[in-house]
N, C-alpha and C. Protein backbone atom coordinates (compact mmCIF):
# COMPACT_ATOMS: atom_id res chain seq x y z
N MET A 1 0.72 -1.10 -0.01
CA MET A 1 0.10 -0.16 0.15
C MET A 1 0.51 1.39 -0.14
N MET A 2 0.63 2.14 -0.90
CA MET A 2 1.63 2.94 -0.95
C MET A 2 1.53 4.77 -0.06
N THR A 3 1.83 5.52 0.87
CA THR A 3 1.88 6.44 1.73
C THR A 3 0.86 7.38 0.95
N HIS A 4 0.42 8.08 2.12
CA HIS A 4 -0.19 9.69 0.95
C HIS A 4 1.36 10.69 -0.14
N LYS A 5 2.01 10.68 0.48
CA LYS A 5 3.28 11.26 -0.09
C LYS A 5 3.37 10.04 -1.21
N GLU A 6 3.31 9.09 -1.50
CA GLU A 6 4.06 8.36 -2.43
C GLU A 6 3.06 8.61 -3.30
N LEU A 7 1.83 8.44 -2.61
CA LEU A 7 0.57 8.73 -4.32
C LEU A 7 0.35 10.04 -4.87
N LYS A 8 1.08 11.32 -4.12
CA LYS A 8 0.41 12.15 -4.22
C LYS A 8 2.04 12.72 -5.42
N MET A 9 3.53 12.07 -4.81
CA MET A 9 4.22 12.14 -6.01
C MET A 9 4.26 11.76 -6.74
N LYS A 10 3.54 10.74 -7.16
CA LYS A 10 3.18 9.39 -8.65
C LYS A 10 2.44 11.17 -9.89
N ALA A 11 1.14 11.06 -8.15
CA ALA A 11 0.38 11.82 -8.76
C ALA A 11 0.23 12.86 -10.05
N LEU A 12 1.27 13.42 -9.26
CA LEU A 12 1.89 15.37 -9.47
C LEU A 12 2.65 15.26 -10.28
N ALA A 13 3.41 13.65 -10.95
CA ALA A 13 5.33 13.70 -11.61
C ALA A 13 3.88 13.75 -13.54
N ASP A 14 1.77 13.62 -13.64
CA ASP A 14 2.06 13.78 -14.83
C ASP A 14 1.71 15.23 -14.46
N PRO A 15 1.62 16.15 -16.21
CA PRO A 15 2.03 16.93 -15.83
C PRO A 15 0.79 18.20 -15.86
N GLU A 16 -0.33 17.08 -16.60
CA GLU A 16 -1.41 17.73 -16.10
C GLU A 16 -2.37 17.39 -13.94
N THR A 17 -1.73 16.97 -14.08
CA THR A 17 -2.55 17.36 -13.11
C THR A 17 -1.53 18.11 -12.26
N ARG A 18 -0.05 18.07 -12.13
CA ARG A 18 0.31 19.16 -11.76
C ARG A 18 0.15 20.06 -11.33
N ALA A 19 -0.55 20.60 -13.21
CA ALA A 19 -1.45 21.73 -13.34
C ALA A 19 -2.05 22.03 -12.67
N GLU A 20 -2.78 21.34 -12.50
CA GLU A 20 -4.25 21.37 -11.43
C GLU A 20 -3.75 21.87 -10.38
N TYR A 21 -2.93 21.24 -10.19
CA TYR A 21 -2.91 21.47 -8.41
C TYR A 21 -1.95 22.30 -7.70
N GLU A 22 -1.29 22.98 -9.15
CA GLU A 22 -0.64 23.81 -8.76
C GLU A 22 -1.97 25.59 -8.90
N ALA A 23 -2.65 24.90 -10.12
CA ALA A 23 -3.99 26.02 -9.92
C ALA A 23 -4.83 26.14 -9.04
N GLN A 24 -4.87 25.28 -7.37
CA GLN A 24 -5.40 25.58 -6.52
C GLN A 24 -4.80 25.64 -5.48
N LYS A 25 -3.62 25.97 -6.39
CA LYS A 25 -3.03 26.41 -4.29
C LYS A 25 -2.83 27.11 -3.66
N PRO A 26 -3.59 28.20 -4.59
CA PRO A 26 -4.50 29.59 -3.66
C PRO A 26 -5.37 28.85 -2.63
N GLU A 27 -5.92 28.55 -3.12
CA GLU A 27 -7.02 27.23 -2.66
C GLU A 27 -6.77 27.22 -1.08
N PHE A 28 -5.63 26.65 -1.28
CA PHE A 28 -5.42 25.32 -0.62
C PHE A 28 -4.70 26.25 0.89
N GLU A 29 -3.43 26.96 0.34
CA GLU A 29 -2.62 28.36 1.42
C GLU A 29 -4.41 28.92 2.34
N LEU A 30 -5.32 28.98 1.54
CA LEU A 30 -6.27 30.14 1.84
C LEU A 30 -7.03 28.51 3.35
N LEU A 31 -7.08 27.24 2.98
CA LEU A 31 -7.47 27.02 3.59
C LEU A 31 -7.35 26.46 4.83
N ASP A 32 -5.30 26.07 4.86
CA ASP A 32 -4.35 26.14 6.04
C ASP A 32 -4.75 27.69 6.69
N LYS A 33 -4.83 28.64 6.12
CA LYS A 33 -4.86 29.77 6.70
C LYS A 33 -6.30 29.60 8.19
N LEU A 34 -7.57 29.44 7.19
CA LEU A 34 -8.76 29.56 7.86
C LEU A 34 -8.23 28.38 9.44
N LEU A 35 -8.27 27.39 9.31
CA LEU A 35 -8.11 26.16 10.66
C LEU A 35 -6.97 27.06 10.65
N GLU A 36 -5.04 27.44 10.89
CA GLU A 36 -4.43 28.15 11.64
C GLU A 36 -5.94 29.38 12.85
N ALA A 37 -6.79 29.92 12.41
CA ALA A 37 -7.20 30.73 12.92
C ALA A 37 -8.29 29.84 13.56
N ARG A 38 -9.20 28.45 13.12
CA ARG A 38 -9.54 28.08 14.01
C ARG A 38 -9.04 27.53 15.09
N LYS A 39 -7.49 26.70 15.17
CA LYS A 39 -7.27 26.65 15.84
C LYS A 39 -6.99 26.84 17.18
N ARG A 40 -6.33 28.50 17.23
CA ARG A 40 -6.11 29.34 17.75
C ARG A 40 -7.10 30.29 18.08
N ALA A 41 -8.52 29.50 18.17
CA ALA A 41 -9.42 30.37 18.54
C ALA A 41 -10.54 29.60 19.73
N ASP A 42 -9.72 28.11 19.85
CA ASP A 42 -10.32 26.99 20.54
C ASP A 42 -9.73 27.63 21.94
């Protein structure tokens, strides 16, 4: 069974998948910030 890291590396080896992943990067960063803010608020 593959780890998440291995699966991600394999998926991102495909140029189309990598391009889509990179296009969504700002959304991932925003989600990280929201989750951090929620954690600090608790």
